[in-house]
Amino acid sequence: MPPMPSTASVTTMNNDNDAARARHPFRTLVTDVVRPVRRDIDPTSRRRLVARQIVVLAGAAVTLVQVIVWLMIAILGGGLRAPWWLWTAVPVAIAVGVLTGIERFRTDRSE
């Protein structure tokens, strides 16, 4: 069994992680949203995170199909009129932002 890290090294690892989050906030957010949900968290938090993943995946799939159709219409002569696919992408982004904000707020309050 590997030795347990000392308290000082755990603190250093946490500080390194916090520094990485500060340097790359978008990468950290994307990683938080798409990584698999851990099983060792409380059921309420797990349900929220699973719901967020479902919203992300469904919204991305629907938006991708809409963007492809929009571009095909443009190529076939319809022109690049209003990007109507935003009517799906923006609400999905807002829902993901709200679910992420709730999870971060609850995680910060519990620590």
PDB file of N, CA and C in Angstrom:
ATOM      1  N   MET A   1       0.856  -1.177   0.000  1.00  0.00           N
ATOM      2  CA  MET A   1       0.000   0.000   0.000  1.00  0.00           C
ATOM      3  C   MET A   1       0.895   1.231   0.000  1.00  0.00           C
ATOM      4  N   PRO A   2       0.638   2.211  -0.883  1.00  0.00           N
ATOM      5  CA  PRO A   2       1.493   3.393  -0.931  1.00  0.00           C
ATOM      6  C   PRO A   2       1.327   4.241   0.324  1.00  0.00           C
ATOM      7  N   PRO A   3       2.365   4.957   0.704  1.00  0.00           N
ATOM      8  CA  PRO A   3       2.272   5.782   1.908  1.00  0.00           C
ATOM      9  C   PRO A   3       1.300   6.940   1.698  1.00  0.00           C
ATOM     10  N   MET A   4       0.641   7.324   2.758  1.00  0.00           N
ATOM     11  CA  MET A   4      -0.289   8.450   2.706  1.00  0.00           C
ATOM     12  C   MET A   4       0.504   9.747   2.626  1.00  0.00           C
ATOM     13  N   PRO A   5       0.071  10.706   1.803  1.00  0.00           N
ATOM     14  CA  PRO A   5       0.790  11.975   1.735  1.00  0.00           C
ATOM     15  C   PRO A   5       0.630  12.745   3.039  1.00  0.00           C
ATOM     16  N   SER A   6       1.641  13.500   3.357  1.00  0.00           N
ATOM     17  CA  SER A   6       1.569  14.303   4.579  1.00  0.00           C
ATOM     18  C   SER A   6       0.589  15.449   4.387  1.00  0.00           C
ATOM     19  N   THR A   7       0.196  16.074   5.475  1.00  0.00           N
ATOM     20  CA  THR A   7      -0.734  17.196   5.401  1.00  0.00           C
ATOM     21  C   THR A   7      -0.155  18.325   4.565  1.00  0.00           C
ATOM     22  N   ALA A   8       1.134  18.566   4.695  1.00  0.00           N
ATOM     23  CA  ALA A   8       1.776  19.637   3.926  1.00  0.00           C
ATOM     24  C   ALA A   8       1.705  19.351   2.433  1.00  0.00           C
ATOM     25  N   SER A   9       1.921  18.095   2.028  1.00  0.00           N
ATOM     26  CA  SER A   9       1.875  17.791   0.598  1.00  0.00           C
ATOM     27  C   SER A   9       0.448  17.841   0.069  1.00  0.00           C
ATOM     28  N   VAL A  10      -0.550  17.466   0.890  1.00  0.00           N
ATOM     29  CA  VAL A  10      -1.946  17.579   0.470  1.00  0.00           C
ATOM     30  C   VAL A  10      -2.302  19.039   0.271  1.00  0.00           C
ATOM     31  N   THR A  11      -1.867  19.903   1.181  1.00  0.00           N
ATOM     32  CA  THR A  11      -2.115  21.337   1.043  1.00  0.00           C
ATOM     33  C   THR A  11      -1.461  21.874  -0.211  1.00  0.00           C
ATOM     34  N   THR A  12      -0.249  21.432  -0.499  1.00  0.00           N
ATOM     35  CA  THR A  12       0.443  21.873  -1.700  1.00  0.00           C
ATOM     36  C   THR A  12      -0.295  21.401  -2.942  1.00  0.00           C
ATOM     37  N   MET A  13      -0.786  20.148  -2.933  1.00  0.00           N
ATOM     38  CA  MET A  13      -1.536  19.647  -4.081  1.00  0.00           C
ATOM     39  C   MET A  13      -2.808  20.454  -4.281  1.00  0.00           C
ATOM     40  N   ASN A  14      -3.520  20.793  -3.202  1.00  0.00           N
ATOM     41  CA  ASN A  14      -4.731  21.605  -3.309  1.00  0.00           C
ATOM     42  C   ASN A  14      -4.408  22.985  -3.843  1.00  0.00           C
ATOM     43  N   ASN A  15      -3.313  23.591  -3.363  1.00  0.00           N
ATOM     44  CA  ASN A  15      -2.917  24.908  -3.851  1.00  0.00           C
ATOM     45  C   ASN A  15      -2.555  24.847  -5.324  1.00  0.00           C
ATOM     46  N   ASP A  16      -1.865  23.776  -5.748  1.00  0.00           N
ATOM     47  CA  ASP A  16      -1.530  23.614  -7.159  1.00  0.00           C
ATOM     48  C   ASP A  16      -2.794  23.489  -7.995  1.00  0.00           C
ATOM     49  N   ASN A  17      -3.765  22.735  -7.489  1.00  0.00           N
ATOM     50  CA  ASN A  17      -5.020  22.571  -8.197  1.00  0.00           C
ATOM     51  C   ASN A  17      -5.762  23.903  -8.297  1.00  0.00           C
ATOM     52  N   ASP A  18      -5.774  24.678  -7.205  1.00  0.00           N
ATOM     53  CA  ASP A  18      -6.412  25.991  -7.219  1.00  0.00           C
ATOM     54  C   ASP A  18      -5.711  26.926  -8.198  1.00  0.00           C
ATOM     55  N   ALA A  19      -4.387  26.859  -8.247  1.00  0.00           N
ATOM     56  CA  ALA A  19      -3.639  27.695  -9.186  1.00  0.00           C
ATOM     57  C   ALA A  19      -3.948  27.298 -10.618  1.00  0.00           C
ATOM     58  N   ALA A  20      -4.061  26.004 -10.890  1.00  0.00           N
ATOM     59  CA  ALA A  20      -4.398  25.547 -12.237  1.00  0.00           C
ATOM     60  C   ALA A  20      -5.799  26.003 -12.622  1.00  0.00           C
ATOM     61  N   ARG A  21      -6.719  25.961 -11.678  1.00  0.00           N
ATOM     62  CA  ARG A  21      -8.083  26.443 -11.949  1.00  0.00           C
ATOM     63  C   ARG A  21      -8.078  27.937 -12.278  1.00  0.00           C
ATOM     64  N   ALA A  22      -7.257  28.689 -11.585  1.00  0.00           N
ATOM     65  CA  ALA A  22      -7.196  30.131 -11.830  1.00  0.00           C
ATOM     66  C   ALA A  22      -6.580  30.439 -13.196  1.00  0.00           C
ATOM     67  N   ARG A  23      -5.594  29.650 -13.610  1.00  0.00           N
ATOM     68  CA  ARG A  23      -4.934  29.888 -14.899  1.00  0.00           C
ATOM     69  C   ARG A  23      -5.790  29.474 -16.078  1.00  0.00           C
ATOM     70  N   HIS A  24      -6.584  28.433 -15.919  1.00  0.00           N
ATOM     71  CA  HIS A  24      -7.355  27.885 -17.028  1.00  0.00           C
ATOM     72  C   HIS A  24      -8.819  27.680 -16.612  1.00  0.00           C
ATOM     73  N   PRO A  25      -9.562  28.756 -16.356  1.00  0.00           N
ATOM     74  CA  PRO A  25     -10.925  28.575 -15.846  1.00  0.00           C
ATOM     75  C   PRO A  25     -11.860  27.901 -16.850  1.00  0.00           C
ATOM     76  N   PHE A  26     -11.713  28.198 -18.153  1.00  0.00           N
ATOM     77  CA  PHE A  26     -12.601  27.580 -19.142  1.00  0.00           C
ATOM     78  C   PHE A  26     -12.333  26.092 -19.257  1.00  0.00           C
ATOM     79  N   ARG A  27     -11.056  25.712 -19.282  1.00  0.00           N
ATOM     80  CA  ARG A  27     -10.700  24.295 -19.363  1.00  0.00           C
ATOM     81  C   ARG A  27     -11.220  23.557 -18.134  1.00  0.00           C
ATOM     82  N   THR A  28     -11.103  24.180 -16.971  1.00  0.00           N
ATOM     83  CA  THR A  28     -11.585  23.569 -15.740  1.00  0.00           C
ATOM     84  C   THR A  28     -13.102  23.397 -15.786  1.00  0.00           C
ATOM     85  N   LEU A  29     -13.819  24.407 -16.285  1.00  0.00           N
ATOM     86  CA  LEU A  29     -15.275  24.328 -16.375  1.00  0.00           C
ATOM     87  C   LEU A  29     -15.699  23.216 -17.319  1.00  0.00           C
ATOM     88  N   VAL A  30     -15.063  23.133 -18.478  1.00  0.00           N
ATOM     89  CA  VAL A  30     -15.409  22.074 -19.436  1.00  0.00           C
ATOM     90  C   VAL A  30     -15.122  20.701 -18.843  1.00  0.00           C
ATOM     91  N   THR A  31     -13.985  20.572 -18.173  1.00  0.00           N
ATOM     92  CA  THR A  31     -13.640  19.294 -17.541  1.00  0.00           C
ATOM     93  C   THR A  31     -14.660  18.936 -16.467  1.00  0.00           C
ATOM     94  N   ASP A  32     -15.089  19.914 -15.671  1.00  0.00           N
ATOM     95  CA  ASP A  32     -16.097  19.664 -14.636  1.00  0.00           C
ATOM     96  C   ASP A  32     -17.404  19.172 -15.237  1.00  0.00           C
ATOM     97  N   VAL A  33     -17.788  19.741 -16.367  1.00  0.00           N
ATOM     98  CA  VAL A  33     -19.084  19.423 -16.957  1.00  0.00           C
ATOM     99  C   VAL A  33     -19.090  18.053 -17.634  1.00  0.00           C
ATOM    100  N   VAL A  34     -18.016  17.669 -18.288  1.00  0.00           N
ATOM    101  CA  VAL A  34     -18.047  16.438 -19.084  1.00  0.00           C
ATOM    102  C   VAL A  34     -17.424  15.219 -18.399  1.00  0.00           C
ATOM    103  N   ARG A  35     -16.762  15.403 -17.285  1.00  0.00           N
ATOM    104  CA  ARG A  35     -16.150  14.232 -16.638  1.00  0.00           C
ATOM    105  C   ARG A  35     -17.243  13.348 -16.033  1.00  0.00           C
ATOM    106  N   PRO A  36     -16.960  12.058 -15.875  1.00  0.00           N
ATOM    107  CA  PRO A  36     -17.955  11.153 -15.276  1.00  0.00           C
ATOM    108  C   PRO A  36     -18.281  11.567 -13.837  1.00  0.00           C
ATOM    109  N   VAL A  37     -19.508  11.342 -13.452  1.00  0.00           N
ATOM    110  CA  VAL A  37     -19.964  11.683 -12.101  1.00  0.00           C
ATOM    111  C   VAL A  37     -19.470  10.616 -11.136  1.00  0.00           C
ATOM    112  N   ARG A  38     -18.833  11.069 -10.055  1.00  0.00           N
ATOM    113  CA  ARG A  38     -18.322  10.134  -9.050  1.00  0.00           C
ATOM    114  C   ARG A  38     -19.484   9.489  -8.292  1.00  0.00           C
ATOM    115  N   ARG A  39     -19.271   8.266  -7.838  1.00  0.00           N
ATOM    116  CA  ARG A  39     -20.295   7.551  -7.085  1.00  0.00           C
ATOM    117  C   ARG A  39     -20.224   7.841  -5.589  1.00  0.00           C
ATOM    118  N   ASP A  40     -19.123   8.427  -5.121  1.00  0.00           N
ATOM    119  CA  ASP A  40     -18.932   8.603  -3.683  1.00  0.00           C
ATOM    120  C   ASP A  40     -19.482   9.927  -3.149  1.00  0.00           C
ATOM    121  N   ILE A  41     -20.317  10.623  -3.903  1.00  0.00           N
ATOM    122  CA  ILE A  41     -20.891  11.886  -3.432  1.00  0.00           C
ATOM    123  C   ILE A  41     -22.343  11.652  -3.018  1.00  0.00           C
ATOM    124  N   ASP A  42     -22.908  12.636  -2.328  1.00  0.00           N
ATOM    125  CA  ASP A  42     -24.268  12.457  -1.827  1.00  0.00           C
ATOM    126  C   ASP A  42     -25.268  12.355  -2.992  1.00  0.00           C
ATOM    127  N   PRO A  43     -26.374  11.657  -2.787  1.00  0.00           N
ATOM    128  CA  PRO A  43     -27.324  11.386  -3.879  1.00  0.00           C
ATOM    129  C   PRO A  43     -27.917  12.637  -4.523  1.00  0.00           C
ATOM    130  N   THR A  44     -28.181  13.674  -3.738  1.00  0.00           N
ATOM    131  CA  THR A  44     -28.755  14.890  -4.302  1.00  0.00           C
ATOM    132  C   THR A  44     -27.777  15.553  -5.266  1.00  0.00           C
ATOM    133  N   SER A  45     -26.547  15.665  -4.854  1.00  0.00           N
ATOM    134  CA  SER A  45     -25.523  16.258  -5.701  1.00  0.00           C
ATOM    135  C   SER A  45     -25.305  15.400  -6.948  1.00  0.00           C
ATOM    136  N   ARG A  46     -25.302  14.107  -6.770  1.00  0.00           N
ATOM    137  CA  ARG A  46     -25.120  13.195  -7.911  1.00  0.00           C
ATOM    138  C   ARG A  46     -26.243  13.366  -8.929  1.00  0.00           C
ATOM    139  N   ARG A  47     -27.483  13.478  -8.460  1.00  0.00           N
ATOM    140  CA  ARG A  47     -28.616  13.678  -9.385  1.00  0.00           C
ATOM    141  C   ARG A  47     -28.477  14.977 -10.158  1.00  0.00           C
ATOM    142  N   ARG A  48     -28.052  16.039  -9.475  1.00  0.00           N
ATOM    143  CA  ARG A  48     -27.847  17.331 -10.147  1.00  0.00           C
ATOM    144  C   ARG A  48     -26.779  17.226 -11.226  1.00  0.00           C
ATOM    145  N   LEU A  49     -25.672  16.542 -10.899  1.00  0.00           N
ATOM    146  CA  LEU A  49     -24.581  16.411 -11.860  1.00  0.00           C
ATOM    147  C   LEU A  49     -24.974  15.535 -13.045  1.00  0.00           C
ATOM    148  N   VAL A  50     -25.739  14.476 -12.787  1.00  0.00           N
ATOM    149  CA  VAL A  50     -26.216  13.636 -13.889  1.00  0.00           C
ATOM    150  C   VAL A  50     -27.185  14.427 -14.762  1.00  0.00           C
ATOM    151  N   ALA A  51     -28.075  15.199 -14.138  1.00  0.00           N
ATOM    152  CA  ALA A  51     -29.001  16.035 -14.907  1.00  0.00           C
ATOM    153  C   ALA A  51     -28.229  17.031 -15.773  1.00  0.00           C
ATOM    154  N   ARG A  52     -27.174  17.606 -15.221  1.00  0.00           N
ATOM    155  CA  ARG A  52     -26.359  18.552 -15.986  1.00  0.00           C
ATOM    156  C   ARG A  52     -25.721  17.864 -17.185  1.00  0.00           C
ATOM    157  N   GLN A  53     -25.213  16.661 -16.999  1.00  0.00           N
ATOM    158  CA  GLN A  53     -24.608  15.938 -18.119  1.00  0.00           C
ATOM    159  C   GLN A  53     -25.635  15.607 -19.198  1.00  0.00           C
ATOM    160  N   ILE A  54     -26.835  15.228 -18.786  1.00  0.00           N
ATOM    161  CA  ILE A  54     -27.888  14.923 -19.751  1.00  0.00           C
ATOM    162  C   ILE A  54     -28.236  16.173 -20.546  1.00  0.00           C
ATOM    163  N   VAL A  55     -28.370  17.312 -19.861  1.00  0.00           N
ATOM    164  CA  VAL A  55     -28.674  18.576 -20.544  1.00  0.00           C
ATOM    165  C   VAL A  55     -27.564  18.930 -21.521  1.00  0.00           C
ATOM    166  N   VAL A  56     -26.309  18.771 -21.098  1.00  0.00           N
ATOM    167  CA  VAL A  56     -25.176  19.092 -21.972  1.00  0.00           C
ATOM    168  C   VAL A  56     -25.176  18.215 -23.212  1.00  0.00           C
ATOM    169  N   LEU A  57     -25.281  16.909 -23.018  1.00  0.00           N
ATOM    170  CA  LEU A  57     -25.209  15.996 -24.154  1.00  0.00           C
ATOM    171  C   LEU A  57     -26.396  16.162 -25.103  1.00  0.00           C
ATOM    172  N   ALA A  58     -27.594  16.247 -24.568  1.00  0.00           N
ATOM    173  CA  ALA A  58     -28.780  16.414 -25.415  1.00  0.00           C
ATOM    174  C   ALA A  58     -28.744  17.756 -26.135  1.00  0.00           C
ATOM    175  N   GLY A  59     -28.402  18.816 -25.400  1.00  0.00           N
ATOM    176  CA  GLY A  59     -28.336  20.141 -26.014  1.00  0.00           C
ATOM    177  C   GLY A  59     -27.270  20.232 -27.088  1.00  0.00           C
ATOM    178  N   ALA A  60     -26.106  19.630 -26.836  1.00  0.00           N
ATOM    179  CA  ALA A  60     -25.032  19.655 -27.837  1.00  0.00           C
ATOM    180  C   ALA A  60     -25.433  18.871 -29.082  1.00  0.00           C
ATOM    181  N   ALA A  61     -26.090  17.732 -28.907  1.00  0.00           N
ATOM    182  CA  ALA A  61     -26.503  16.927 -30.051  1.00  0.00           C
ATOM    183  C   ALA A  61     -27.542  17.657 -30.898  1.00  0.00           C
ATOM    184  N   VAL A  62     -28.551  18.211 -30.240  1.00  0.00           N
ATOM    185  CA  VAL A  62     -29.601  18.930 -30.966  1.00  0.00           C
ATOM    186  C   VAL A  62     -29.027  20.164 -31.663  1.00  0.00           C
ATOM    187  N   THR A  63     -28.184  20.908 -30.973  1.00  0.00           N
ATOM    188  CA  THR A  63     -27.585  22.107 -31.564  1.00  0.00           C
ATOM    189  C   THR A  63     -26.692  21.737 -32.747  1.00  0.00           C
ATOM    190  N   LEU A  64     -25.930  20.658 -32.635  1.00  0.00           N
ATOM    191  CA  LEU A  64     -25.079  20.230 -33.738  1.00  0.00           C
ATOM    192  C   LEU A  64     -25.907  19.911 -34.982  1.00  0.00           C
ATOM    193  N   VAL A  65     -27.000  19.187 -34.803  1.00  0.00           N
ATOM    194  CA  VAL A  65     -27.875  18.871 -35.939  1.00  0.00           C
ATOM    195  C   VAL A  65     -28.429  20.160 -36.541  1.00  0.00           C
ATOM    196  N   GLN A  66     -28.845  21.085 -35.707  1.00  0.00           N
ATOM    197  CA  GLN A  66     -29.403  22.338 -36.203  1.00  0.00           C
ATOM    198  C   GLN A  66     -28.362  23.161 -36.962  1.00  0.00           C
ATOM    199  N   VAL A  67     -27.137  23.201 -36.461  1.00  0.00           N
ATOM    200  CA  VAL A  67     -26.079  23.949 -37.145  1.00  0.00           C
ATOM    201  C   VAL A  67     -25.779  23.314 -38.496  1.00  0.00           C
ATOM    202  N   ILE A  68     -25.754  22.003 -38.564  1.00  0.00           N
ATOM    203  CA  ILE A  68     -25.513  21.324 -39.837  1.00  0.00           C
ATOM    204  C   ILE A  68     -26.624  21.636 -40.830  1.00  0.00           C
ATOM    205  N   VAL A  69     -27.865  21.577 -40.394  1.00  0.00           N
ATOM    206  CA  VAL A  69     -28.992  21.912 -41.274  1.00  0.00           C
ATOM    207  C   VAL A  69     -28.897  23.369 -41.707  1.00  0.00           C
ATOM    208  N   TRP A  70     -28.578  24.264 -40.790  1.00  0.00           N
ATOM    209  CA  TRP A  70     -28.445  25.698 -41.096  1.00  0.00           C
ATOM    210  C   TRP A  70     -27.366  25.925 -42.152  1.00  0.00           C
ATOM    211  N   LEU A  71     -26.223  25.257 -42.001  1.00  0.00           N
ATOM    212  CA  LEU A  71     -25.148  25.393 -42.980  1.00  0.00           C
ATOM    213  C   LEU A  71     -25.534  24.772 -44.323  1.00  0.00           C
ATOM    214  N   MET A  72     -26.258  23.656 -44.320  1.00  0.00           N
ATOM    215  CA  MET A  72     -26.707  23.055 -45.576  1.00  0.00           C
ATOM    216  C   MET A  72     -27.666  23.983 -46.310  1.00  0.00           C
ATOM    217  N   ILE A  73     -28.551  24.631 -45.573  1.00  0.00           N
ATOM    218  CA  ILE A  73     -29.463  25.593 -46.184  1.00  0.00           C
ATOM    219  C   ILE A  73     -28.665  26.733 -46.805  1.00  0.00           C
ATOM    220  N   ALA A  74     -27.637  27.201 -46.091  1.00  0.00           N
ATOM    221  CA  ALA A  74     -26.796  28.289 -46.607  1.00  0.00           C
ATOM    222  C   ALA A  74     -26.062  27.858 -47.874  1.00  0.00           C
ATOM    223  N   ILE A  75     -25.538  26.639 -47.886  1.00  0.00           N
ATOM    224  CA  ILE A  75     -24.795  26.142 -49.053  1.00  0.00           C
ATOM    225  C   ILE A  75     -25.717  25.955 -50.256  1.00  0.00           C
ATOM    226  N   LEU A  76     -26.926  25.499 -50.007  1.00  0.00           N
ATOM    227  CA  LEU A  76     -27.865  25.247 -51.099  1.00  0.00           C
ATOM    228  C   LEU A  76     -28.565  26.509 -51.590  1.00  0.00           C
ATOM    229  N   GLY A  77     -28.207  27.654 -51.086  1.00  0.00           N
ATOM    230  CA  GLY A  77     -28.726  28.907 -51.626  1.00  0.00           C
ATOM    231  C   GLY A  77     -29.683  29.672 -50.743  1.00  0.00           C
ATOM    232  N   GLY A  78     -29.923  29.217 -49.563  1.00  0.00           N
ATOM    233  CA  GLY A  78     -30.845  29.924 -48.683  1.00  0.00           C
ATOM    234  C   GLY A  78     -30.215  31.115 -47.989  1.00  0.00           C
ATOM    235  N   GLY A  79     -28.905  31.196 -48.005  1.00  0.00           N
ATOM    236  CA  GLY A  79     -28.209  32.298 -47.341  1.00  0.00           C
ATOM    237  C   GLY A  79     -28.073  32.074 -45.841  1.00  0.00           C
ATOM    238  N   LEU A  80     -27.123  32.785 -45.269  1.00  0.00           N
ATOM    239  CA  LEU A  80     -26.909  32.697 -43.819  1.00  0.00           C
ATOM    240  C   LEU A  80     -27.771  33.745 -43.125  1.00  0.00           C
ATOM    241  N   ARG A  81     -29.012  33.410 -42.986  1.00  0.00           N
ATOM    242  CA  ARG A  81     -29.909  34.332 -42.284  1.00  0.00           C
ATOM    243  C   ARG A  81     -29.697  34.181 -40.793  1.00  0.00           C
ATOM    244  N   ALA A  82     -30.626  34.609 -40.043  1.00  0.00           N
ATOM    245  CA  ALA A  82     -30.501  34.559 -38.579  1.00  0.00           C
ATOM    246  C   ALA A  82     -30.112  33.153 -38.117  1.00  0.00           C
ATOM    247  N   PRO A  83     -29.169  33.072 -37.205  1.00  0.00           N
ATOM    248  CA  PRO A  83     -28.770  31.749 -36.684  1.00  0.00           C
ATOM    249  C   PRO A  83     -29.813  31.202 -35.707  1.00  0.00           C
ATOM    250  N   TRP A  84     -30.868  30.604 -36.256  1.00  0.00           N
ATOM    251  CA  TRP A  84     -31.976  30.138 -35.445  1.00  0.00           C
ATOM    252  C   TRP A  84     -31.592  29.023 -34.493  1.00  0.00           C
ATOM    253  N   TRP A  85     -30.457  28.364 -34.714  1.00  0.00           N
ATOM    254  CA  TRP A  85     -30.015  27.308 -33.802  1.00  0.00           C
ATOM    255  C   TRP A  85     -29.659  27.867 -32.430  1.00  0.00           C
ATOM    256  N   LEU A  86     -29.451  29.188 -32.346  1.00  0.00           N
ATOM    257  CA  LEU A  86     -29.153  29.799 -31.045  1.00  0.00           C
ATOM    258  C   LEU A  86     -30.338  29.692 -30.076  1.00  0.00           C
ATOM    259  N   TRP A  87     -31.551  29.519 -30.633  1.00  0.00           N
ATOM    260  CA  TRP A  87     -32.720  29.375 -29.769  1.00  0.00           C
ATOM    261  C   TRP A  87     -32.648  28.098 -28.955  1.00  0.00           C
ATOM    262  N   THR A  88     -31.830  27.161 -29.357  1.00  0.00           N
ATOM    263  CA  THR A  88     -31.596  25.950 -28.568  1.00  0.00           C
ATOM    264  C   THR A  88     -30.318  26.069 -27.757  1.00  0.00           C
ATOM    265  N   ALA A  89     -29.265  26.573 -28.371  1.00  0.00           N
ATOM    266  CA  ALA A  89     -27.948  26.611 -27.726  1.00  0.00           C
ATOM    267  C   ALA A  89     -27.923  27.519 -26.498  1.00  0.00           C
ATOM    268  N   VAL A  90     -28.549  28.682 -26.587  1.00  0.00           N
ATOM    269  CA  VAL A  90     -28.496  29.636 -25.470  1.00  0.00           C
ATOM    270  C   VAL A  90     -29.241  29.115 -24.231  1.00  0.00           C
ATOM    271  N   PRO A  91     -30.484  28.629 -24.359  1.00  0.00           N
ATOM    272  CA  PRO A  91     -31.137  28.084 -23.157  1.00  0.00           C
ATOM    273  C   PRO A  91     -30.396  26.898 -22.546  1.00  0.00           C
ATOM    274  N   VAL A  92     -29.800  26.058 -23.388  1.00  0.00           N
ATOM    275  CA  VAL A  92     -29.020  24.931 -22.864  1.00  0.00           C
ATOM    276  C   VAL A  92     -27.819  25.460 -22.082  1.00  0.00           C
ATOM    277  N   ALA A  93     -27.122  26.452 -22.639  1.00  0.00           N
ATOM    278  CA  ALA A  93     -25.965  27.029 -21.947  1.00  0.00           C
ATOM    279  C   ALA A  93     -26.388  27.659 -20.623  1.00  0.00           C
ATOM    280  N   ILE A  94     -27.524  28.322 -20.608  1.00  0.00           N
ATOM    281  CA  ILE A  94     -28.023  28.930 -19.369  1.00  0.00           C
ATOM    282  C   ILE A  94     -28.356  27.841 -18.339  1.00  0.00           C
ATOM    283  N   ALA A  95     -29.022  26.770 -18.780  1.00  0.00           N
ATOM    284  CA  ALA A  95     -29.377  25.681 -17.860  1.00  0.00           C
ATOM    285  C   ALA A  95     -28.123  25.032 -17.280  1.00  0.00           C
ATOM    286  N   VAL A  96     -27.124  24.801 -18.124  1.00  0.00           N
ATOM    287  CA  VAL A  96     -25.877  24.206 -17.642  1.00  0.00           C
ATOM    288  C   VAL A  96     -25.187  25.159 -16.667  1.00  0.00           C
ATOM    289  N   GLY A  97     -25.193  26.448 -16.978  1.00  0.00           N
ATOM    290  CA  GLY A  97     -24.598  27.436 -16.075  1.00  0.00           C
ATOM    291  C   GLY A  97     -25.286  27.473 -14.722  1.00  0.00           C
ATOM    292  N   VAL A  98     -26.605  27.409 -14.726  1.00  0.00           N
ATOM    293  CA  VAL A  98     -27.366  27.420 -13.472  1.00  0.00           C
ATOM    294  C   VAL A  98     -27.071  26.157 -12.661  1.00  0.00           C
ATOM    295  N   LEU A  99     -27.101  24.991 -13.310  1.00  0.00           N
ATOM    296  CA  LEU A  99     -26.813  23.744 -12.594  1.00  0.00           C
ATOM    297  C   LEU A  99     -25.383  23.722 -12.057  1.00  0.00           C
ATOM    298  N   THR A 100     -24.440  24.248 -12.835  1.00  0.00           N
ATOM    299  CA  THR A 100     -23.053  24.315 -12.376  1.00  0.00           C
ATOM    300  C   THR A 100     -22.923  25.290 -11.212  1.00  0.00           C
ATOM    301  N   GLY A 101     -23.580  26.433 -11.307  1.00  0.00           N
ATOM    302  CA  GLY A 101     -23.538  27.413 -10.225  1.00  0.00           C
ATOM    303  C   GLY A 101     -24.118  26.864  -8.934  1.00  0.00           C
ATOM    304  N   ILE A 102     -25.242  26.158  -9.036  1.00  0.00           N
ATOM    305  CA  ILE A 102     -25.852  25.557  -7.845  1.00  0.00           C
ATOM    306  C   ILE A 102     -24.897  24.550  -7.216  1.00  0.00           C
ATOM    307  N   GLU A 103     -24.288  23.714  -8.045  1.00  0.00           N
ATOM    308  CA  GLU A 103     -23.377  22.694  -7.520  1.00  0.00           C
ATOM    309  C   GLU A 103     -22.153  23.335  -6.869  1.00  0.00           C
ATOM    310  N   ARG A 104     -21.589  24.345  -7.502  1.00  0.00           N
ATOM    311  CA  ARG A 104     -20.414  25.017  -6.914  1.00  0.00           C
ATOM    312  C   ARG A 104     -20.786  25.730  -5.621  1.00  0.00           C
ATOM    313  N   PHE A 105     -21.962  26.365  -5.582  1.00  0.00           N
ATOM    314  CA  PHE A 105     -22.413  27.058  -4.381  1.00  0.00           C
ATOM    315  C   PHE A 105     -22.575  26.068  -3.229  1.00  0.00           C
ATOM    316  N   ARG A 106     -23.208  24.938  -3.497  1.00  0.00           N
ATOM    317  CA  ARG A 106     -23.416  23.929  -2.456  1.00  0.00           C
ATOM    318  C   ARG A 106     -22.106  23.304  -2.015  1.00  0.00           C
ATOM    319  N   THR A 107     -21.184  23.077  -2.971  1.00  0.00           N
ATOM    320  CA  THR A 107     -19.891  22.495  -2.636  1.00  0.00           C
ATOM    321  C   THR A 107     -19.087  23.467  -1.791  1.00  0.00           C
ATOM    322  N   ASP A 108     -19.084  24.758  -2.145  1.00  0.00           N
ATOM    323  CA  ASP A 108     -18.356  25.765  -1.382  1.00  0.00           C
ATOM    324  C   ASP A 108     -18.929  25.940   0.018  1.00  0.00           C
ATOM    325  N   ARG A 109     -20.253  25.849   0.146  1.00  0.00           N
ATOM    326  CA  ARG A 109     -20.879  26.008   1.462  1.00  0.00           C
ATOM    327  C   ARG A 109     -20.596  24.833   2.375  1.00  0.00           C
ATOM    328  N   SER A 110     -20.447  23.628   1.791  1.00  0.00           N
ATOM    329  CA  SER A 110     -20.241  22.440   2.621  1.00  0.00           C
ATOM    330  C   SER A 110     -18.796  22.309   3.099  1.00  0.00           C
ATOM    331  N   GLU A 111     -17.861  23.020   2.465  1.00  0.00           N
ATOM    332  CA  GLU A 111     -16.449  22.897   2.865  1.00  0.00           C
ATOM    333  C   GLU A 111     -16.105  23.766   4.024  1.00  0.00           C
TER     334      GLU A 111
END
